[in-house]
Amino acid sequence: MEDERVPCVYILASGLYGTLYIGVTSDLIGRLWQHRNAALPGFTSRYKVHRLVHYEFQGTMEHAILREKQLKRWHRQWKINLINEGNPHWEDLAVRLGLPPMAPCLGRNGP
């Protein structure tokens, strides 16, 4: 079986306009599962930041890491604008990738 890893930078949110987390991975589905199941102790599990609101596939892991660093340097409003451009209702994009839906996104602090 061929390795289907694709470098990706992603943004998770706790809810509509809530806490944001920016990460990079070569296995987006696997990483999302880890975040959703609190398999990785830390920021996302502590603040319940599990909703995929933006992602970008990159050609190489080097490009993904550079993009992650760029996004992390951005002002919060720029990140919100980026999310709103492609996902104005802050839907959980992980559902499009085959993961089960989460509770509805109700507000700043999530469901």
PDB file of N, CA and C in Angstrom:
ATOM      1  N   MET A   1       0.842  -1.188   0.000  1.00  0.00           N
ATOM      2  CA  MET A   1       0.000   0.000   0.000  1.00  0.00           C
ATOM      3  C   MET A   1       0.883   1.245   0.000  1.00  0.00           C
ATOM      4  N   GLU A   2       0.545   2.202  -0.847  1.00  0.00           N
ATOM      5  CA  GLU A   2       1.311   3.427  -0.971  1.00  0.00           C
ATOM      6  C   GLU A   2       1.021   4.372   0.190  1.00  0.00           C
ATOM      7  N   ASP A   3       2.062   5.042   0.669  1.00  0.00           N
ATOM      8  CA  ASP A   3       1.907   6.017   1.751  1.00  0.00           C
ATOM      9  C   ASP A   3       1.211   7.256   1.193  1.00  0.00           C
ATOM     10  N   GLU A   4       0.070   7.635   1.765  1.00  0.00           N
ATOM     11  CA  GLU A   4      -0.718   8.757   1.260  1.00  0.00           C
ATOM     12  C   GLU A   4      -0.573   9.996   2.136  1.00  0.00           C
ATOM     13  N   ARG A   5       0.543  10.162   2.742  1.00  0.00           N
ATOM     14  CA  ARG A   5       0.752  11.328   3.591  1.00  0.00           C
ATOM     15  C   ARG A   5       0.918  12.575   2.738  1.00  0.00           C
ATOM     16  N   VAL A   6       0.207  13.623   3.141  1.00  0.00           N
ATOM     17  CA  VAL A   6       0.255  14.889   2.409  1.00  0.00           C
ATOM     18  C   VAL A   6       0.476  16.000   3.429  1.00  0.00           C
ATOM     19  N   PRO A   7       1.538  16.783   3.271  1.00  0.00           N
ATOM     20  CA  PRO A   7       1.776  17.891   4.203  1.00  0.00           C
ATOM     21  C   PRO A   7       0.608  18.873   4.200  1.00  0.00           C
ATOM     22  N   CYS A   8       0.246  19.310   5.386  1.00  0.00           N
ATOM     23  CA  CYS A   8      -0.932  20.162   5.531  1.00  0.00           C
ATOM     24  C   CYS A   8      -0.766  21.084   6.733  1.00  0.00           C
ATOM     25  N   VAL A   9      -1.227  22.319   6.586  1.00  0.00           N
ATOM     26  CA  VAL A   9      -1.348  23.240   7.706  1.00  0.00           C
ATOM     27  C   VAL A   9      -2.839  23.403   7.952  1.00  0.00           C
ATOM     28  N   TYR A  10      -3.225  23.481   9.216  1.00  0.00           N
ATOM     29  CA  TYR A  10      -4.649  23.504   9.542  1.00  0.00           C
ATOM     30  C   TYR A  10      -4.916  24.442  10.708  1.00  0.00           C
ATOM     31  N   ILE A  11      -6.182  24.893  10.767  1.00  0.00           N
ATOM     32  CA  ILE A  11      -6.620  25.737  11.879  1.00  0.00           C
ATOM     33  C   ILE A  11      -7.818  25.067  12.531  1.00  0.00           C
ATOM     34  N   LEU A  12      -7.744  24.905  13.842  1.00  0.00           N
ATOM     35  CA  LEU A  12      -8.843  24.398  14.648  1.00  0.00           C
ATOM     36  C   LEU A  12      -9.423  25.556  15.453  1.00  0.00           C
ATOM     37  N   ALA A  13     -10.707  25.453  15.791  1.00  0.00           N
ATOM     38  CA  ALA A  13     -11.362  26.471  16.619  1.00  0.00           C
ATOM     39  C   ALA A  13     -12.199  25.786  17.685  1.00  0.00           C
ATOM     40  N   SER A  14     -12.378  26.469  18.800  1.00  0.00           N
ATOM     41  CA  SER A  14     -13.225  25.953  19.876  1.00  0.00           C
ATOM     42  C   SER A  14     -14.694  26.191  19.563  1.00  0.00           C
ATOM     43  N   GLY A  15     -14.971  27.125  18.686  1.00  0.00           N
ATOM     44  CA  GLY A  15     -16.336  27.477  18.319  1.00  0.00           C
ATOM     45  C   GLY A  15     -16.281  28.697  17.427  1.00  0.00           C
ATOM     46  N   LEU A  16     -17.423  29.237  17.108  1.00  0.00           N
ATOM     47  CA  LEU A  16     -17.518  30.403  16.247  1.00  0.00           C
ATOM     48  C   LEU A  16     -16.751  31.573  16.862  1.00  0.00           C
ATOM     49  N   TYR A  17     -15.715  32.019  16.181  1.00  0.00           N
ATOM     50  CA  TYR A  17     -14.843  33.107  16.634  1.00  0.00           C
ATOM     51  C   TYR A  17     -14.182  32.806  17.986  1.00  0.00           C
ATOM     52  N   GLY A  18     -14.018  31.533  18.291  1.00  0.00           N
ATOM     53  CA  GLY A  18     -13.432  31.126  19.561  1.00  0.00           C
ATOM     54  C   GLY A  18     -11.911  31.031  19.511  1.00  0.00           C
ATOM     55  N   THR A  19     -11.389  30.259  20.423  1.00  0.00           N
ATOM     56  CA  THR A  19      -9.952  30.038  20.524  1.00  0.00           C
ATOM     57  C   THR A  19      -9.466  29.318  19.277  1.00  0.00           C
ATOM     58  N   LEU A  20      -8.319  29.753  18.737  1.00  0.00           N
ATOM     59  CA  LEU A  20      -7.758  29.167  17.523  1.00  0.00           C
ATOM     60  C   LEU A  20      -6.472  28.419  17.831  1.00  0.00           C
ATOM     61  N   TYR A  21      -6.232  27.386  17.027  1.00  0.00           N
ATOM     62  CA  TYR A  21      -4.982  26.620  17.103  1.00  0.00           C
ATOM     63  C   TYR A  21      -4.516  26.365  15.679  1.00  0.00           C
ATOM     64  N   ILE A  22      -3.254  26.604  15.411  1.00  0.00           N
ATOM     65  CA  ILE A  22      -2.685  26.348  14.090  1.00  0.00           C
ATOM     66  C   ILE A  22      -1.660  25.236  14.232  1.00  0.00           C
ATOM     67  N   GLY A  23      -1.771  24.238  13.361  1.00  0.00           N
ATOM     68  CA  GLY A  23      -0.856  23.109  13.407  1.00  0.00           C
ATOM     69  C   GLY A  23      -0.437  22.668  12.020  1.00  0.00           C
ATOM     70  N   VAL A  24       0.502  21.747  11.979  1.00  0.00           N
ATOM     71  CA  VAL A  24       1.003  21.186  10.726  1.00  0.00           C
ATOM     72  C   VAL A  24       1.117  19.677  10.904  1.00  0.00           C
ATOM     73  N   THR A  25       0.842  18.942   9.845  1.00  0.00           N
ATOM     74  CA  THR A  25       0.885  17.486   9.911  1.00  0.00           C
ATOM     75  C   THR A  25       1.052  16.918   8.505  1.00  0.00           C
ATOM     76  N   SER A  26       1.441  15.660   8.436  1.00  0.00           N
ATOM     77  CA  SER A  26       1.447  14.960   7.152  1.00  0.00           C
ATOM     78  C   SER A  26       0.303  13.947   7.102  1.00  0.00           C
ATOM     79  N   ASP A  27      -0.498  13.894   8.165  1.00  0.00           N
ATOM     80  CA  ASP A  27      -1.634  12.968   8.240  1.00  0.00           C
ATOM     81  C   ASP A  27      -2.799  13.702   8.898  1.00  0.00           C
ATOM     82  N   LEU A  28      -3.535  14.479   8.113  1.00  0.00           N
ATOM     83  CA  LEU A  28      -4.576  15.351   8.662  1.00  0.00           C
ATOM     84  C   LEU A  28      -5.657  14.557   9.391  1.00  0.00           C
ATOM     85  N   ILE A  29      -6.157  13.485   8.794  1.00  0.00           N
ATOM     86  CA  ILE A  29      -7.218  12.699   9.433  1.00  0.00           C
ATOM     87  C   ILE A  29      -6.734  12.121  10.759  1.00  0.00           C
ATOM     88  N   GLY A  30      -5.541  11.551  10.760  1.00  0.00           N
ATOM     89  CA  GLY A  30      -4.986  10.996  11.999  1.00  0.00           C
ATOM     90  C   GLY A  30      -4.804  12.050  13.077  1.00  0.00           C
ATOM     91  N   ARG A  31      -4.321  13.222  12.679  1.00  0.00           N
ATOM     92  CA  ARG A  31      -4.103  14.287  13.657  1.00  0.00           C
ATOM     93  C   ARG A  31      -5.430  14.806  14.201  1.00  0.00           C
ATOM     94  N   LEU A  32      -6.431  14.933  13.326  1.00  0.00           N
ATOM     95  CA  LEU A  32      -7.747  15.374  13.787  1.00  0.00           C
ATOM     96  C   LEU A  32      -8.325  14.387  14.792  1.00  0.00           C
ATOM     97  N   TRP A  33      -8.159  13.101  14.539  1.00  0.00           N
ATOM     98  CA  TRP A  33      -8.631  12.083  15.477  1.00  0.00           C
ATOM     99  C   TRP A  33      -7.951  12.275  16.838  1.00  0.00           C
ATOM    100  N   GLN A  34      -6.640  12.529  16.818  1.00  0.00           N
ATOM    101  CA  GLN A  34      -5.906  12.753  18.071  1.00  0.00           C
ATOM    102  C   GLN A  34      -6.452  13.960  18.819  1.00  0.00           C
ATOM    103  N   HIS A  35      -6.682  15.058  18.103  1.00  0.00           N
ATOM    104  CA  HIS A  35      -7.218  16.255  18.755  1.00  0.00           C
ATOM    105  C   HIS A  35      -8.606  15.991  19.330  1.00  0.00           C
ATOM    106  N   ARG A  36      -9.471  15.389  18.555  1.00  0.00           N
ATOM    107  CA  ARG A  36     -10.863  15.158  18.983  1.00  0.00           C
ATOM    108  C   ARG A  36     -10.970  14.197  20.155  1.00  0.00           C
ATOM    109  N   ASN A  37     -10.036  13.281  20.276  1.00  0.00           N
ATOM    110  CA  ASN A  37     -10.078  12.283  21.340  1.00  0.00           C
ATOM    111  C   ASN A  37      -9.110  12.590  22.478  1.00  0.00           C
ATOM    112  N   ALA A  38      -8.581  13.808  22.499  1.00  0.00           N
ATOM    113  CA  ALA A  38      -7.665  14.264  23.546  1.00  0.00           C
ATOM    114  C   ALA A  38      -6.506  13.293  23.741  1.00  0.00           C
ATOM    115  N   ALA A  39      -6.055  12.699  22.625  1.00  0.00           N
ATOM    116  CA  ALA A  39      -4.925  11.772  22.683  1.00  0.00           C
ATOM    117  C   ALA A  39      -3.615  12.515  22.865  1.00  0.00           C
ATOM    118  N   LEU A  40      -3.627  13.798  22.604  1.00  0.00           N
ATOM    119  CA  LEU A  40      -2.443  14.633  22.774  1.00  0.00           C
ATOM    120  C   LEU A  40      -2.721  15.646  23.882  1.00  0.00           C
ATOM    121  N   PRO A  41      -2.174  15.431  25.068  1.00  0.00           N
ATOM    122  CA  PRO A  41      -2.416  16.407  26.131  1.00  0.00           C
ATOM    123  C   PRO A  41      -1.809  17.756  25.754  1.00  0.00           C
ATOM    124  N   GLY A  42      -2.475  18.807  26.135  1.00  0.00           N
ATOM    125  CA  GLY A  42      -1.945  20.131  25.837  1.00  0.00           C
ATOM    126  C   GLY A  42      -3.044  21.122  25.518  1.00  0.00           C
ATOM    127  N   PHE A  43      -2.681  22.107  24.708  1.00  0.00           N
ATOM    128  CA  PHE A  43      -3.540  23.251  24.426  1.00  0.00           C
ATOM    129  C   PHE A  43      -4.916  22.863  23.902  1.00  0.00           C
ATOM    130  N   THR A  44      -4.963  22.032  22.854  1.00  0.00           N
ATOM    131  CA  THR A  44      -6.255  21.733  22.226  1.00  0.00           C
ATOM    132  C   THR A  44      -7.172  20.939  23.132  1.00  0.00           C
ATOM    133  N   SER A  45      -6.623  20.044  23.919  1.00  0.00           N
ATOM    134  CA  SER A  45      -7.492  19.296  24.836  1.00  0.00           C
ATOM    135  C   SER A  45      -7.899  20.170  26.023  1.00  0.00           C
ATOM    136  N   ARG A  46      -6.997  21.012  26.492  1.00  0.00           N
ATOM    137  CA  ARG A  46      -7.297  21.885  27.632  1.00  0.00           C
ATOM    138  C   ARG A  46      -8.400  22.891  27.297  1.00  0.00           C
ATOM    139  N   TYR A  47      -8.355  23.446  26.084  1.00  0.00           N
ATOM    140  CA  TYR A  47      -9.309  24.496  25.704  1.00  0.00           C
ATOM    141  C   TYR A  47     -10.396  24.008  24.739  1.00  0.00           C
ATOM    142  N   LYS A  48     -10.481  22.692  24.541  1.00  0.00           N
ATOM    143  CA  LYS A  48     -11.511  22.078  23.683  1.00  0.00           C
ATOM    144  C   LYS A  48     -11.537  22.696  22.279  1.00  0.00           C
ATOM    145  N   VAL A  49     -10.365  22.765  21.691  1.00  0.00           N
ATOM    146  CA  VAL A  49     -10.200  23.312  20.348  1.00  0.00           C
ATOM    147  C   VAL A  49     -10.123  22.124  19.389  1.00  0.00           C
ATOM    148  N   HIS A  50     -11.275  21.718  18.841  1.00  0.00           N
ATOM    149  CA  HIS A  50     -11.337  20.480  18.060  1.00  0.00           C
ATOM    150  C   HIS A  50     -11.971  20.627  16.688  1.00  0.00           C
ATOM    151  N   ARG A  51     -12.530  21.763  16.364  1.00  0.00           N
ATOM    152  CA  ARG A  51     -13.287  21.942  15.120  1.00  0.00           C
ATOM    153  C   ARG A  51     -12.352  22.429  14.005  1.00  0.00           C
ATOM    154  N   LEU A  52     -12.242  21.647  12.915  1.00  0.00           N
ATOM    155  CA  LEU A  52     -11.416  22.027  11.773  1.00  0.00           C
ATOM    156  C   LEU A  52     -12.138  23.106  10.976  1.00  0.00           C
ATOM    157  N   VAL A  53     -11.573  24.314  10.944  1.00  0.00           N
ATOM    158  CA  VAL A  53     -12.232  25.415  10.246  1.00  0.00           C
ATOM    159  C   VAL A  53     -11.475  25.868   8.996  1.00  0.00           C
ATOM    160  N   HIS A  54     -10.231  25.415   8.840  1.00  0.00           N
ATOM    161  CA  HIS A  54      -9.445  25.781   7.661  1.00  0.00           C
ATOM    162  C   HIS A  54      -8.301  24.784   7.523  1.00  0.00           C
ATOM    163  N   TYR A  55      -7.991  24.430   6.289  1.00  0.00           N
ATOM    164  CA  TYR A  55      -6.801  23.631   6.037  1.00  0.00           C
ATOM    165  C   TYR A  55      -6.277  23.905   4.646  1.00  0.00           C
ATOM    166  N   GLU A  56      -4.970  23.726   4.491  1.00  0.00           N
ATOM    167  CA  GLU A  56      -4.295  23.941   3.209  1.00  0.00           C
ATOM    168  C   GLU A  56      -3.291  22.818   3.015  1.00  0.00           C
ATOM    169  N   PHE A  57      -3.433  22.066   1.937  1.00  0.00           N
ATOM    170  CA  PHE A  57      -2.432  21.069   1.604  1.00  0.00           C
ATOM    171  C   PHE A  57      -1.260  21.768   0.938  1.00  0.00           C
ATOM    172  N   GLN A  58      -0.068  21.300   1.236  1.00  0.00           N
ATOM    173  CA  GLN A  58       1.155  21.888   0.697  1.00  0.00           C
ATOM    174  C   GLN A  58       1.945  20.821  -0.062  1.00  0.00           C
ATOM    175  N   GLY A  59       2.829  21.261  -0.933  1.00  0.00           N
ATOM    176  CA  GLY A  59       3.616  20.335  -1.738  1.00  0.00           C
ATOM    177  C   GLY A  59       4.668  19.581  -0.958  1.00  0.00           C
ATOM    178  N   THR A  60       5.245  20.235   0.033  1.00  0.00           N
ATOM    179  CA  THR A  60       6.280  19.609   0.850  1.00  0.00           C
ATOM    180  C   THR A  60       6.049  19.964   2.317  1.00  0.00           C
ATOM    181  N   MET A  61       6.631  19.169   3.199  1.00  0.00           N
ATOM    182  CA  MET A  61       6.526  19.472   4.622  1.00  0.00           C
ATOM    183  C   MET A  61       7.236  20.795   4.930  1.00  0.00           C
ATOM    184  N   GLU A  62       8.312  21.086   4.232  1.00  0.00           N
ATOM    185  CA  GLU A  62       9.006  22.359   4.435  1.00  0.00           C
ATOM    186  C   GLU A  62       8.071  23.532   4.149  1.00  0.00           C
ATOM    187  N   HIS A  63       7.306  23.450   3.046  1.00  0.00           N
ATOM    188  CA  HIS A  63       6.351  24.522   2.726  1.00  0.00           C
ATOM    189  C   HIS A  63       5.235  24.595   3.773  1.00  0.00           C
ATOM    190  N   ALA A  64       4.793  23.445   4.241  1.00  0.00           N
ATOM    191  CA  ALA A  64       3.736  23.428   5.264  1.00  0.00           C
ATOM    192  C   ALA A  64       4.221  24.092   6.545  1.00  0.00           C
ATOM    193  N   ILE A  65       5.430  23.801   6.958  1.00  0.00           N
ATOM    194  CA  ILE A  65       5.988  24.395   8.176  1.00  0.00           C
ATOM    195  C   ILE A  65       6.158  25.903   8.009  1.00  0.00           C
ATOM    196  N   LEU A  66       6.629  26.328   6.841  1.00  0.00           N
ATOM    197  CA  LEU A  66       6.775  27.770   6.594  1.00  0.00           C
ATOM    198  C   LEU A  66       5.422  28.470   6.643  1.00  0.00           C
ATOM    199  N   ARG A  67       4.390  27.844   6.055  1.00  0.00           N
ATOM    200  CA  ARG A  67       3.047  28.437   6.072  1.00  0.00           C
ATOM    201  C   ARG A  67       2.503  28.482   7.500  1.00  0.00           C
ATOM    202  N   GLU A  68       2.734  27.413   8.273  1.00  0.00           N
ATOM    203  CA  GLU A  68       2.301  27.396   9.670  1.00  0.00           C
ATOM    204  C   GLU A  68       2.942  28.556  10.435  1.00  0.00           C
ATOM    205  N   LYS A  69       4.229  28.749  10.271  1.00  0.00           N
ATOM    206  CA  LYS A  69       4.922  29.839  10.958  1.00  0.00           C
ATOM    207  C   LYS A  69       4.375  31.194  10.529  1.00  0.00           C
ATOM    208  N   GLN A  70       4.081  31.328   9.229  1.00  0.00           N
ATOM    209  CA  GLN A  70       3.513  32.576   8.725  1.00  0.00           C
ATOM    210  C   GLN A  70       2.163  32.859   9.382  1.00  0.00           C
ATOM    211  N   LEU A  71       1.289  31.850   9.383  1.00  0.00           N
ATOM    212  CA  LEU A  71      -0.042  32.042   9.969  1.00  0.00           C
ATOM    213  C   LEU A  71       0.031  32.342  11.465  1.00  0.00           C
ATOM    214  N   LYS A  72       0.943  31.702  12.156  1.00  0.00           N
ATOM    215  CA  LYS A  72       1.076  31.952  13.600  1.00  0.00           C
ATOM    216  C   LYS A  72       1.522  33.378  13.892  1.00  0.00           C
ATOM    217  N   ARG A  73       2.232  34.004  12.946  1.00  0.00           N
ATOM    218  CA  ARG A  73       2.670  35.399  13.131  1.00  0.00           C
ATOM    219  C   ARG A  73       1.557  36.401  12.819  1.00  0.00           C
ATOM    220  N   TRP A  74       0.528  35.957  12.118  1.00  0.00           N
ATOM    221  CA  TRP A  74      -0.555  36.856  11.724  1.00  0.00           C
ATOM    222  C   TRP A  74      -1.329  37.367  12.926  1.00  0.00           C
ATOM    223  N   HIS A  75      -1.910  38.562  12.765  1.00  0.00           N
ATOM    224  CA  HIS A  75      -2.851  39.073  13.752  1.00  0.00           C
ATOM    225  C   HIS A  75      -4.093  38.184  13.765  1.00  0.00           C
ATOM    226  N   ARG A  76      -4.745  38.130  14.883  1.00  0.00           N
ATOM    227  CA  ARG A  76      -5.947  37.298  15.013  1.00  0.00           C
ATOM    228  C   ARG A  76      -6.995  37.629  13.943  1.00  0.00           C
ATOM    229  N   GLN A  77      -7.217  38.902  13.681  1.00  0.00           N
ATOM    230  CA  GLN A  77      -8.236  39.290  12.696  1.00  0.00           C
ATOM    231  C   GLN A  77      -7.899  38.767  11.313  1.00  0.00           C
ATOM    232  N   TRP A  78      -6.623  38.717  10.946  1.00  0.00           N
ATOM    233  CA  TRP A  78      -6.233  38.182   9.642  1.00  0.00           C
ATOM    234  C   TRP A  78      -6.580  36.689   9.565  1.00  0.00           C
ATOM    235  N   LYS A  79      -6.364  35.980  10.665  1.00  0.00           N
ATOM    236  CA  LYS A  79      -6.706  34.549  10.706  1.00  0.00           C
ATOM    237  C   LYS A  79      -8.216  34.366  10.570  1.00  0.00           C
ATOM    238  N   ILE A  80      -8.970  35.206  11.265  1.00  0.00           N
ATOM    239  CA  ILE A  80     -10.433  35.139  11.175  1.00  0.00           C
ATOM    240  C   ILE A  80     -10.882  35.442   9.745  1.00  0.00           C
ATOM    241  N   ASN A  81     -10.272  36.434   9.113  1.00  0.00           N
ATOM    242  CA  ASN A  81     -10.610  36.762   7.723  1.00  0.00           C
ATOM    243  C   ASN A  81     -10.327  35.583   6.800  1.00  0.00           C
ATOM    244  N   LEU A  82      -9.206  34.906   7.010  1.00  0.00           N
ATOM    245  CA  LEU A  82      -8.851  33.739   6.205  1.00  0.00           C
ATOM    246  C   LEU A  82      -9.905  32.645   6.363  1.00  0.00           C
ATOM    247  N   ILE A  83     -10.301  32.377   7.583  1.00  0.00           N
ATOM    248  CA  ILE A  83     -11.336  31.359   7.838  1.00  0.00           C
ATOM    249  C   ILE A  83     -12.647  31.774   7.183  1.00  0.00           C
ATOM    250  N   ASN A  84     -13.047  33.029   7.381  1.00  0.00           N
ATOM    251  CA  ASN A  84     -14.321  33.521   6.837  1.00  0.00           C
ATOM    252  C   ASN A  84     -14.368  33.469   5.310  1.00  0.00           C
ATOM    253  N   GLU A  85     -13.218  33.647   4.648  1.00  0.00           N
ATOM    254  CA  GLU A  85     -13.189  33.600   3.180  1.00  0.00           C
ATOM    255  C   GLU A  85     -13.647  32.242   2.661  1.00  0.00           C
ATOM    256  N   GLY A  86     -13.175  31.182   3.262  1.00  0.00           N
ATOM    257  CA  GLY A  86     -13.479  29.851   2.763  1.00  0.00           C
ATOM    258  C   GLY A  86     -14.531  29.094   3.551  1.00  0.00           C
ATOM    259  N   ASN A  87     -14.834  29.570   4.752  1.00  0.00           N
ATOM    260  CA  ASN A  87     -15.747  28.852   5.635  1.00  0.00           C
ATOM    261  C   ASN A  87     -16.496  29.863   6.516  1.00  0.00           C
ATOM    262  N   PRO A  88     -17.375  30.671   5.906  1.00  0.00           N
ATOM    263  CA  PRO A  88     -18.007  31.776   6.637  1.00  0.00           C
ATOM    264  C   PRO A  88     -18.878  31.350   7.814  1.00  0.00           C
ATOM    265  N   HIS A  89     -19.349  30.102   7.834  1.00  0.00           N
ATOM    266  CA  HIS A  89     -20.186  29.629   8.948  1.00  0.00           C
ATOM    267  C   HIS A  89     -19.387  28.802   9.952  1.00  0.00           C
ATOM    268  N   TRP A  90     -18.090  28.742   9.758  1.00  0.00           N
ATOM    269  CA  TRP A  90     -17.185  28.017  10.640  1.00  0.00           C
ATOM    270  C   TRP A  90     -17.645  26.571  10.826  1.00  0.00           C
ATOM    271  N   GLU A  91     -18.054  25.951   9.728  1.00  0.00           N
ATOM    272  CA  GLU A  91     -18.459  24.547   9.765  1.00  0.00           C
ATOM    273  C   GLU A  91     -17.249  23.683  10.080  1.00  0.00           C
ATOM    274  N   ASP A  92     -17.502  22.509  10.636  1.00  0.00           N
ATOM    275  CA  ASP A  92     -16.428  21.555  10.905  1.00  0.00           C
ATOM    276  C   ASP A  92     -16.087  20.854   9.597  1.00  0.00           C
ATOM    277  N   LEU A  93     -14.985  21.262   8.976  1.00  0.00           N
ATOM    278  CA  LEU A  93     -14.592  20.735   7.678  1.00  0.00           C
ATOM    279  C   LEU A  93     -14.144  19.278   7.751  1.00  0.00           C
ATOM    280  N   ALA A  94     -13.914  18.757   8.940  1.00  0.00           N
ATOM    281  CA  ALA A  94     -13.508  17.363   9.090  1.00  0.00           C
ATOM    282  C   ALA A  94     -14.593  16.415   8.596  1.00  0.00           C
ATOM    283  N   VAL A  95     -15.854  16.852   8.625  1.00  0.00           N
ATOM    284  CA  VAL A  95     -16.960  16.016   8.143  1.00  0.00           C
ATOM    285  C   VAL A  95     -16.780  15.745   6.650  1.00  0.00           C
ATOM    286  N   ARG A  96     -16.337  16.740   5.901  1.00  0.00           N
ATOM    287  CA  ARG A  96     -16.089  16.569   4.464  1.00  0.00           C
ATOM    288  C   ARG A  96     -14.964  15.567   4.207  1.00  0.00           C
ATOM    289  N   LEU A  97     -14.106  15.399   5.200  1.00  0.00           N
ATOM    290  CA  LEU A  97     -12.976  14.472   5.071  1.00  0.00           C
ATOM    291  C   LEU A  97     -13.315  13.078   5.596  1.00  0.00           C
ATOM    292  N   GLY A  98     -14.563  12.890   6.069  1.00  0.00           N
ATOM    293  CA  GLY A  98     -15.007  11.572   6.487  1.00  0.00           C
ATOM    294  C   GLY A  98     -15.128  11.343   7.978  1.00  0.00           C
ATOM    295  N   LEU A  99     -14.811  12.333   8.801  1.00  0.00           N
ATOM    296  CA  LEU A  99     -14.973  12.178  10.247  1.00  0.00           C
ATOM    297  C   LEU A  99     -16.412  12.479  10.641  1.00  0.00           C
ATOM    298  N   PRO A 100     -16.886  11.896  11.747  1.00  0.00           N
ATOM    299  CA  PRO A 100     -18.271  12.151  12.174  1.00  0.00           C
ATOM    300  C   PRO A 100     -18.450  13.602  12.618  1.00  0.00           C
ATOM    301  N   PRO A 101     -19.665  14.130  12.483  1.00  0.00           N
ATOM    302  CA  PRO A 101     -19.914  15.519  12.898  1.00  0.00           C
ATOM    303  C   PRO A 101     -19.802  15.686  14.396  1.00  0.00           C
ATOM    304  N   MET A 102     -19.443  16.905  14.777  1.00  0.00           N
ATOM    305  CA  MET A 102     -19.381  17.281  16.187  1.00  0.00           C
ATOM    306  C   MET A 102     -20.657  18.046  16.516  1.00  0.00           C
ATOM    307  N   ALA A 103     -20.820  18.405  17.760  1.00  0.00           N
ATOM    308  CA  ALA A 103     -21.958  19.226  18.181  1.00  0.00           C
ATOM    309  C   ALA A 103     -21.931  20.542  17.415  1.00  0.00           C
ATOM    310  N   PRO A 104     -23.094  21.166  17.215  1.00  0.00           N
ATOM    311  CA  PRO A 104     -23.140  22.442  16.479  1.00  0.00           C
ATOM    312  C   PRO A 104     -22.243  23.501  17.113  1.00  0.00           C
ATOM    313  N   CYS A 105     -21.732  24.366  16.273  1.00  0.00           N
ATOM    314  CA  CYS A 105     -20.878  25.464  16.696  1.00  0.00           C
ATOM    315  C   CYS A 105     -21.783  26.602  17.157  1.00  0.00           C
ATOM    316  N   LEU A 106     -21.863  26.817  18.472  1.00  0.00           N
ATOM    317  CA  LEU A 106     -22.833  27.770  19.007  1.00  0.00           C
ATOM    318  C   LEU A 106     -22.283  29.152  19.316  1.00  0.00           C
ATOM    319  N   GLY A 107     -21.026  29.260  19.640  1.00  0.00           N
ATOM    320  CA  GLY A 107     -20.524  30.582  20.000  1.00  0.00           C
ATOM    321  C   GLY A 107     -19.055  30.553  20.304  1.00  0.00           C
ATOM    322  N   ARG A 108     -18.575  31.601  20.893  1.00  0.00           N
ATOM    323  CA  ARG A 108     -17.148  31.780  21.114  1.00  0.00           C
ATOM    324  C   ARG A 108     -16.514  30.608  21.849  1.00  0.00           C
ATOM    325  N   ASN A 109     -17.196  30.047  22.799  1.00  0.00           N
ATOM    326  CA  ASN A 109     -16.606  28.981  23.604  1.00  0.00           C
ATOM    327  C   ASN A 109     -17.007  27.596  23.134  1.00  0.00           C
ATOM    328  N   GLY A 110     -17.640  27.514  21.964  1.00  0.00           N
ATOM    329  CA  GLY A 110     -18.007  26.222  21.401  1.00  0.00           C
ATOM    330  C   GLY A 110     -19.246  25.665  22.047  1.00  0.00           C
ATOM    331  N   PRO A 111     -19.535  24.376  21.752  1.00  0.00           N
ATOM    332  CA  PRO A 111     -20.754  23.761  22.268  1.00  0.00           C
ATOM    333  C   PRO A 111     -20.742  23.598  23.763  1.00  0.00           C
TER     334      PRO A 111
END
